[in-house]
């Protein structure tokens, strides 16, 4: 397991769960891409894919504003030098938990791509 990639994933969860948008965005390359089935639902024009830090900022700020109790509980991290496979439980008060897998692709210590899968 790549300790560096795993540390990026750990910092990702810390930033997300504390709603620290600047720390979260700092982990990403300026032109990073993010795919999520939730994006496809809430922003159909994106077909689920956004590119760049400003699009990521808007997406996550909206989620933090609408879901103040949103929390990710890590169940598994598997890392190598250029990829981290993360499994977690999406928890929101008064909603059913959702099992999630997400893959982070990493290049030069920055996330260049993330892809979300819901169980």
C-alpha atoms as a PDB file:
ATOM      1  CA  UNK A   1       0.000   0.000   0.000  1.00  0.00           C
ATOM      2  CA  UNK A   2       1.297   3.429  -0.878  1.00  0.00           C
ATOM      3  CA  UNK A   3       1.500   5.478   2.287  1.00  0.00           C
ATOM      4  CA  UNK A   4       1.487   8.773   0.346  1.00  0.00           C
ATOM      5  CA  UNK A   5      -1.726   7.943  -1.519  1.00  0.00           C
ATOM      6  CA  UNK A   6      -3.337   6.669   1.659  1.00  0.00           C
ATOM      7  CA  UNK A   7      -2.423   9.933   3.437  1.00  0.00           C
ATOM      8  CA  UNK A   8      -4.160  11.913   0.678  1.00  0.00           C
ATOM      9  CA  UNK A   9      -7.301   9.801   1.210  1.00  0.00           C
ATOM     10  CA  UNK A  10      -7.156  10.315   4.976  1.00  0.00           C
ATOM     11  CA  UNK A  11      -6.795  14.082   4.499  1.00  0.00           C
ATOM     12  CA  UNK A  12      -9.689  13.943   2.004  1.00  0.00           C
ATOM     13  CA  UNK A  13     -12.024  12.405   4.609  1.00  0.00           C
ATOM     14  CA  UNK A  14     -10.854  14.832   7.324  1.00  0.00           C
ATOM     15  CA  UNK A  15     -11.544  17.826   5.075  1.00  0.00           C
ATOM     16  CA  UNK A  16     -14.876  16.480   3.870  1.00  0.00           C
ATOM     17  CA  UNK A  17     -16.199  15.548   7.301  1.00  0.00           C
ATOM     18  CA  UNK A  18     -15.206  18.916   8.802  1.00  0.00           C
ATOM     19  CA  UNK A  19     -16.685  20.717   5.736  1.00  0.00           C
ATOM     20  CA  UNK A  20     -13.307  22.376   5.144  1.00  0.00           C
ATOM     21  CA  UNK A  21     -13.746  23.187   1.476  1.00  0.00           C
ATOM     22  CA  UNK A  22     -10.346  24.871   1.049  1.00  0.00           C
ATOM     23  CA  UNK A  23      -8.447  21.896   2.472  1.00  0.00           C
ATOM     24  CA  UNK A  24     -10.509  19.544   0.311  1.00  0.00           C
ATOM     25  CA  UNK A  25      -9.853  21.528  -2.875  1.00  0.00           C
ATOM     26  CA  UNK A  26      -6.130  21.793  -2.056  1.00  0.00           C
ATOM     27  CA  UNK A  27      -5.882  18.022  -2.599  1.00  0.00           C
ATOM     28  CA  UNK A  28      -6.998  18.365  -6.233  1.00  0.00           C
ATOM     29  CA  UNK A  29      -5.219  19.328  -9.431  1.00  0.00           C
ATOM     30  CA  UNK A  30      -6.598  22.541 -10.992  1.00  0.00           C
ATOM     31  CA  UNK A  31      -8.083  20.548 -13.893  1.00  0.00           C
ATOM     32  CA  UNK A  32      -9.269  17.548 -11.892  1.00  0.00           C
ATOM     33  CA  UNK A  33     -12.344  15.688 -13.062  1.00  0.00           C
ATOM     34  CA  UNK A  34     -15.070  14.325 -10.796  1.00  0.00           C
ATOM     35  CA  UNK A  35     -17.802  11.875 -11.772  1.00  0.00           C
ATOM     36  CA  UNK A  36     -20.784  11.113  -9.544  1.00  0.00           C
ATOM     37  CA  UNK A  37     -24.232   9.590 -10.077  1.00  0.00           C
ATOM     38  CA  UNK A  38     -25.557  12.359  -7.785  1.00  0.00           C
ATOM     39  CA  UNK A  39     -24.228  14.965 -10.238  1.00  0.00           C
ATOM     40  CA  UNK A  40     -26.112  13.209 -13.031  1.00  0.00           C
ATOM     41  CA  UNK A  41     -29.341  13.539 -11.007  1.00  0.00           C
ATOM     42  CA  UNK A  42     -28.899  17.074  -9.624  1.00  0.00           C
ATOM     43  CA  UNK A  43     -27.118  18.614 -12.633  1.00  0.00           C
ATOM     44  CA  UNK A  44     -28.235  16.523 -15.637  1.00  0.00           C
ATOM     45  CA  UNK A  45     -26.472  18.845 -18.085  1.00  0.00           C
ATOM     46  CA  UNK A  46     -23.121  17.609 -16.687  1.00  0.00           C
ATOM     47  CA  UNK A  47     -23.924  13.956 -17.512  1.00  0.00           C
ATOM     48  CA  UNK A  48     -22.346  13.304 -14.105  1.00  0.00           C
ATOM     49  CA  UNK A  49     -18.918  14.791 -14.890  1.00  0.00           C
ATOM     50  CA  UNK A  50     -17.437  18.118 -13.785  1.00  0.00           C
ATOM     51  CA  UNK A  51     -13.957  19.519 -14.416  1.00  0.00           C
ATOM     52  CA  UNK A  52     -11.871  22.026 -12.460  1.00  0.00           C
ATOM     53  CA  UNK A  53     -11.680  23.327  -8.929  1.00  0.00           C
ATOM     54  CA  UNK A  54     -14.410  25.950  -9.341  1.00  0.00           C
ATOM     55  CA  UNK A  55     -16.917  23.304 -10.432  1.00  0.00           C
ATOM     56  CA  UNK A  56     -15.830  21.111  -7.499  1.00  0.00           C
ATOM     57  CA  UNK A  57     -16.160  24.083  -5.128  1.00  0.00           C
ATOM     58  CA  UNK A  58     -19.712  24.827  -6.282  1.00  0.00           C
ATOM     59  CA  UNK A  59     -20.751  21.162  -6.111  1.00  0.00           C
ATOM     60  CA  UNK A  60     -19.439  20.534  -2.602  1.00  0.00           C
ATOM     61  CA  UNK A  61     -20.505  23.902  -1.205  1.00  0.00           C
ATOM     62  CA  UNK A  62     -24.040  23.123  -2.360  1.00  0.00           C
ATOM     63  CA  UNK A  63     -23.889  19.693  -0.691  1.00  0.00           C
ATOM     64  CA  UNK A  64     -22.537  21.153   2.570  1.00  0.00           C
ATOM     65  CA  UNK A  65     -25.239  23.860   2.559  1.00  0.00           C
ATOM     66  CA  UNK A  66     -28.109  21.458   1.817  1.00  0.00           C
ATOM     67  CA  UNK A  67     -26.890  18.557   3.977  1.00  0.00           C
ATOM     68  CA  UNK A  68     -25.311  19.974   7.154  1.00  0.00           C
ATOM     69  CA  UNK A  69     -25.282  16.515   8.795  1.00  0.00           C
ATOM     70  CA  UNK A  70     -23.530  14.824   5.846  1.00  0.00           C
ATOM     71  CA  UNK A  71     -20.767  12.523   7.101  1.00  0.00           C
ATOM     72  CA  UNK A  72     -18.658   9.819   5.477  1.00  0.00           C
ATOM     73  CA  UNK A  73     -17.691   6.808   7.600  1.00  0.00           C
ATOM     74  CA  UNK A  74     -14.628   5.071   6.151  1.00  0.00           C
ATOM     75  CA  UNK A  75     -14.864   1.294   5.913  1.00  0.00           C
ATOM     76  CA  UNK A  76     -11.863   0.523   3.679  1.00  0.00           C
ATOM     77  CA  UNK A  77      -8.903   2.198   1.959  1.00  0.00           C
ATOM     78  CA  UNK A  78      -6.786   0.387  -0.602  1.00  0.00           C
ATOM     79  CA  UNK A  79      -3.946   2.402  -2.096  1.00  0.00           C
ATOM     80  CA  UNK A  80      -1.072   2.078  -4.528  1.00  0.00           C
ATOM     81  CA  UNK A  81       1.217   4.768  -5.924  1.00  0.00           C
ATOM     82  CA  UNK A  82      -1.324   6.368  -8.282  1.00  0.00           C
ATOM     83  CA  UNK A  83      -4.761   5.294  -7.083  1.00  0.00           C
ATOM     84  CA  UNK A  84      -6.834   4.949  -3.919  1.00  0.00           C
ATOM     85  CA  UNK A  85      -9.980   2.848  -3.724  1.00  0.00           C
ATOM     86  CA  UNK A  86     -12.126   4.158  -0.867  1.00  0.00           C
ATOM     87  CA  UNK A  87     -15.204   2.504   0.564  1.00  0.00           C
ATOM     88  CA  UNK A  88     -17.397   4.471   2.932  1.00  0.00           C
ATOM     89  CA  UNK A  89     -20.912   4.905   4.247  1.00  0.00           C
ATOM     90  CA  UNK A  90     -22.705   8.149   3.371  1.00  0.00           C
ATOM     91  CA  UNK A  91     -24.637   9.207   6.441  1.00  0.00           C
ATOM     92  CA  UNK A  92     -27.203  11.997   6.601  1.00  0.00           C
ATOM     93  CA  UNK A  93     -29.595  12.490   9.516  1.00  0.00           C
ATOM     94  CA  UNK A  94     -33.107  11.181   8.678  1.00  0.00           C
ATOM     95  CA  UNK A  95     -31.881   9.469   5.482  1.00  0.00           C
ATOM     96  CA  UNK A  96     -30.983   5.872   4.850  1.00  0.00           C
ATOM     97  CA  UNK A  97     -27.244   5.161   4.818  1.00  0.00           C
ATOM     98  CA  UNK A  98     -25.744   4.671   1.356  1.00  0.00           C
ATOM     99  CA  UNK A  99     -22.759   2.437   0.638  1.00  0.00           C
ATOM    100  CA  UNK A 100     -20.264   4.274  -1.561  1.00  0.00           C
ATOM    101  CA  UNK A 101     -17.050   3.378  -3.346  1.00  0.00           C
ATOM    102  CA  UNK A 102     -14.837   6.074  -4.792  1.00  0.00           C
ATOM    103  CA  UNK A 103     -11.628   5.892  -6.759  1.00  0.00           C
ATOM    104  CA  UNK A 104      -9.094   8.715  -6.584  1.00  0.00           C
ATOM    105  CA  UNK A 105      -6.443   8.864  -9.288  1.00  0.00           C
ATOM    106  CA  UNK A 106      -3.312  10.639  -8.085  1.00  0.00           C
ATOM    107  CA  UNK A 107      -0.469  12.215 -10.031  1.00  0.00           C
ATOM    108  CA  UNK A 108       2.348  14.260  -8.472  1.00  0.00           C
ATOM    109  CA  UNK A 109       0.592  14.244  -5.080  1.00  0.00           C
ATOM    110  CA  UNK A 110      -2.647  15.748  -6.445  1.00  0.00           C
ATOM    111  CA  UNK A 111      -5.982  14.110  -7.207  1.00  0.00           C
ATOM    112  CA  UNK A 112      -6.471  14.319 -10.969  1.00  0.00           C
ATOM    113  CA  UNK A 113      -9.672  12.299 -11.130  1.00  0.00           C
ATOM    114  CA  UNK A 114     -12.336  10.933  -8.808  1.00  0.00           C
ATOM    115  CA  UNK A 115     -15.179   8.607  -9.641  1.00  0.00           C
ATOM    116  CA  UNK A 116     -18.041   7.719  -7.290  1.00  0.00           C
ATOM    117  CA  UNK A 117     -20.035   4.473  -7.282  1.00  0.00           C
ATOM    118  CA  UNK A 118     -23.131   3.958  -5.114  1.00  0.00           C
ATOM    119  CA  UNK A 119     -24.136   0.557  -3.755  1.00  0.00           C
END
